[in-house]
Protein backbone atom coordinates (compact mmCIF):
# COMPACT_ATOMS: atom_id res chain seq x y z
CA UNK A 1 74.62 73.49 151.13
CA UNK A 2 76.42 70.20 151.05
CA UNK A 3 80.20 70.14 149.61
CA UNK A 4 78.79 68.58 146.82
CA UNK A 5 76.20 71.12 145.52
CA UNK A 6 78.83 73.81 145.73
CA UNK A 7 81.37 71.46 143.46
CA UNK A 8 78.36 70.70 141.40
CA UNK A 9 77.48 74.44 140.88
CA UNK A 10 81.59 75.09 140.10
CA UNK A 11 81.30 73.28 137.35
CA UNK A 12 78.30 74.40 135.81
CA UNK A 13 79.75 77.95 136.21
CA UNK A 14 82.53 76.34 134.33
CA UNK A 15 80.95 74.11 131.70
CA UNK A 16 78.17 77.83 131.02
CA UNK A 17 82.06 80.12 130.77
CA UNK A 18 83.51 77.35 128.37
CA UNK A 19 80.73 77.74 126.20
CA UNK A 20 80.74 81.56 126.22
CA UNK A 21 83.69 81.79 125.78
CA UNK A 22 83.83 79.76 123.18
CA UNK A 23 80.96 80.74 120.83
CA UNK A 24 83.07 84.32 121.25
CA UNK A 25 85.99 82.38 119.73
CA UNK A 26 83.42 80.37 116.75
CA UNK A 27 82.74 84.76 116.31
CA UNK A 28 85.19 85.86 115.85
CA UNK A 29 87.10 83.91 113.84
CA UNK A 30 83.94 84.47 111.38
CA UNK A 31 84.54 88.06 111.91
CA UNK A 32 88.10 87.35 110.32
CA UNK A 33 86.48 85.42 107.20
CA UNK A 34 84.43 87.97 106.53
CA UNK A 35 87.19 90.47 106.77
CA UNK A 36 89.43 88.39 104.44
CA UNK A 37 86.76 88.48 102.57
CA UNK A 38 85.74 91.62 101.90
CA UNK A 39 90.13 92.18 101.19
CA UNK A 40 89.58 88.89 98.95
CA UNK A 41 86.63 90.91 97.17
CA UNK A 42 88.70 94.13 96.35
CA UNK A 43 91.97 92.50 95.25
CA UNK A 44 89.78 90.30 92.84
CA UNK A 45 88.40 93.99 91.86
CA UNK A 46 92.41 95.61 90.87
CA UNK A 47 92.97 92.25 89.12
CA UNK A 48 89.72 92.24 87.08
CA UNK A 49 91.14 95.89 86.28
CA UNK A 50 94.81 94.51 85.00
CA UNK A 51 93.72 93.64 81.59
CA UNK A 52 91.54 96.45 80.74
CA UNK A 53 94.88 98.71 82.15
CA UNK A 54 96.87 96.55 80.34
CA UNK A 55 95.48 96.36 76.83
CA UNK A 56 95.24 100.55 76.75
CA UNK A 57 98.57 100.55 77.77
CA UNK A 58 99.94 98.51 75.37
CA UNK A 59 97.89 100.51 72.52
CA UNK A 60 100.61 103.25 73.07
CA UNK A 61 103.61 101.70 74.76
CA UNK A 62 103.67 98.60 72.75
CA UNK A 63 107.33 98.03 72.78
CA UNK A 64 107.17 97.88 76.43
CA UNK A 65 106.73 94.28 76.71
CA UNK A 66 108.99 92.94 79.21
CA UNK A 67 106.41 95.56 81.55
CA UNK A 68 103.04 94.66 80.42
CA UNK A 69 104.14 90.60 80.60
CA UNK A 70 105.12 91.36 84.35
CA UNK A 71 102.16 93.01 85.13
CA UNK A 72 100.45 90.02 83.13
CA UNK A 73 102.34 87.12 85.21
CA UNK A 74 102.22 89.19 88.71
CA UNK A 75 98.12 88.94 87.38
CA UNK A 76 98.06 85.44 87.20
CA UNK A 77 100.11 84.77 90.41
CA UNK A 78 97.08 87.14 92.30
CA UNK A 79 94.40 85.39 91.49
CA UNK A 80 95.99 81.79 92.07
CA UNK A 81 96.93 82.77 95.66
CA UNK A 82 94.07 81.83 97.91
CA UNK A 83 95.61 82.26 102.26
CA UNK A 84 97.05 84.99 103.75
CA UNK A 85 100.77 84.84 103.13
CA UNK A 86 100.11 83.94 99.81
CA UNK A 87 97.80 86.57 98.80
CA UNK A 88 99.70 89.53 100.28
CA UNK A 89 102.38 88.55 98.85
CA UNK A 90 100.58 88.37 95.36
CA UNK A 91 99.48 91.93 95.99
CA UNK A 92 102.68 93.00 96.79
CA UNK A 93 104.13 92.50 93.38
CA UNK A 94 101.02 92.98 91.92
CA UNK A 95 100.87 97.03 93.48
CA UNK A 96 104.74 96.50 92.41
CA UNK A 97 104.14 96.07 88.82
CA UNK A 98 101.79 98.41 88.20
CA UNK A 99 103.82 101.73 90.37
CA UNK A 100 106.41 100.00 86.90
CA UNK A 101 103.51 100.45 84.64
CA UNK A 102 102.05 104.07 86.16
CA UNK A 103 105.56 105.34 85.73
CA UNK A 104 105.90 103.97 82.39
CA UNK A 105 103.06 106.02 81.33
CA UNK A 106 104.16 108.97 82.36
CA UNK A 107 106.90 108.45 78.98
CA UNK A 108 103.58 108.81 76.90
CA UNK A 109 102.11 112.02 76.97
CA UNK A 110 99.21 110.71 75.14
CA UNK A 111 98.51 108.02 77.31
CA UNK A 112 98.29 110.02 80.36
CA UNK A 113 95.28 112.03 78.48
CA UNK A 114 93.36 109.13 77.37
CA UNK A 115 90.03 108.74 78.43
CA UNK A 116 89.93 105.36 79.17
CA UNK A 117 93.39 105.37 81.40
CA UNK A 118 92.20 108.04 83.23
CA UNK A 119 89.12 106.14 84.18
CA UNK A 120 90.98 103.07 84.71
CA UNK A 121 93.35 104.77 86.96
CA UNK A 122 90.14 106.69 88.72
CA UNK A 123 88.95 103.06 89.12
CA UNK A 124 91.91 101.77 90.01
CA UNK A 125 92.16 104.63 93.21
CA UNK A 126 88.58 103.58 94.24
CA UNK A 127 89.89 99.85 94.75
CA UNK A 128 93.04 101.12 96.50
CA UNK A 129 90.60 102.74 99.02
CA UNK A 130 88.45 100.44 99.20
CA UNK A 131 91.07 97.87 99.41
CA UNK A 132 92.61 99.52 102.35
CA UNK A 133 89.59 99.82 104.30
CA UNK A 134 88.58 95.91 104.33
CA UNK A 135 92.66 95.32 105.46
CA UNK A 136 91.63 97.62 107.91
CA UNK A 137 88.72 95.72 109.26
CA UNK A 138 90.37 92.08 108.68
CA UNK A 139 93.38 93.04 110.54
CA UNK A 140 91.14 94.81 113.17
CA UNK A 141 89.03 91.16 113.99
CA UNK A 142 92.56 89.23 113.19
CA UNK A 143 93.72 91.36 116.41
CA UNK A 144 90.45 90.49 118.31
CA UNK A 145 90.68 87.18 117.67
CA UNK A 146 94.39 86.11 118.68
CA UNK A 147 93.64 88.18 121.97
CA UNK A 148 91.19 86.34 122.67
CA UNK A 149 92.87 82.90 121.93
CA UNK A 150 96.45 84.41 123.80
CA UNK A 151 94.26 85.90 126.68
CA UNK A 152 94.35 83.55 130.41
CA UNK A 153 91.57 82.08 131.10
CA UNK A 154 90.03 81.96 127.46
CA UNK A 155 93.62 80.44 126.06
CA UNK A 156 93.16 76.81 127.65
CA UNK A 157 89.30 76.66 125.64
CA UNK A 158 90.77 77.81 122.33
CA UNK A 159 93.66 75.70 122.61
CA UNK A 160 91.00 72.80 124.01
CA UNK A 161 89.04 73.86 120.70
CA UNK A 162 92.20 74.01 118.37
CA UNK A 163 92.42 77.94 117.90
CA UNK A 164 94.79 78.68 115.93
CA UNK A 165 96.08 82.83 115.93
CA UNK A 166 94.95 84.26 112.13
CA UNK A 167 98.06 85.68 110.19
CA UNK A 168 97.62 89.88 109.60
CA UNK A 169 97.78 91.54 106.06
CA UNK A 170 101.07 93.12 105.36
CA UNK A 171 102.63 95.07 103.59
CA UNK A 172 106.37 95.76 103.02
CA UNK A 173 107.31 99.25 102.94
CA UNK A 174 107.62 100.06 99.05
CA UNK A 175 103.71 98.98 99.15
CA UNK A 176 102.87 101.00 102.34
CA UNK A 177 104.40 103.60 100.35
CA UNK A 178 101.48 105.73 97.98
CA UNK A 179 103.11 105.90 94.26
CA UNK A 180 103.44 109.85 93.65
CA UNK A 181 101.90 109.09 90.23
CA UNK A 182 100.60 112.57 87.94
CA UNK A 183 98.30 112.47 85.10
CA UNK A 184 98.76 116.07 84.73
CA UNK A 185 99.57 117.38 81.85
CA UNK A 186 103.45 118.30 81.97
CA UNK A 187 104.56 121.42 81.60
CA UNK A 188 107.49 123.20 78.87
């Protein structure tokens, strides 16, 4: 076999490998996009639930205007966020505001017993579970993409094709802690 054939075989093998790695990077990037879409859907569901929750609380605690306005403002910023860091920050702010809203509800026994409020609280708990699963999927897809981008030799192709690591959807320590909210009837 001549040297020309050997060089041609190496070049063809390198080209095939480059195409394989490029396609894998595209697949991983699409999985990250799919994961972000899932997180976004759950965040939108939670955001859409907030007006009903605020109206229900307002019927019982209208004089608690500052908390209700804070929830409305954080909802608006949540709607405006469109990238991962922005959505994560908005999610943290909305989570904190909802925590204060539920803490406020503890002071109103009639509100805690309200059928609509209990249903909204159950829906919110379901959405939080779905959001946790969506975040887990997204962060797994980001991890896989980032490993591929940063691992040699695929990092050479990733760099040449301008692939960049994706950000994780992270919560701060306060948001990681699950709020403890009890809507059971208080005992004397």
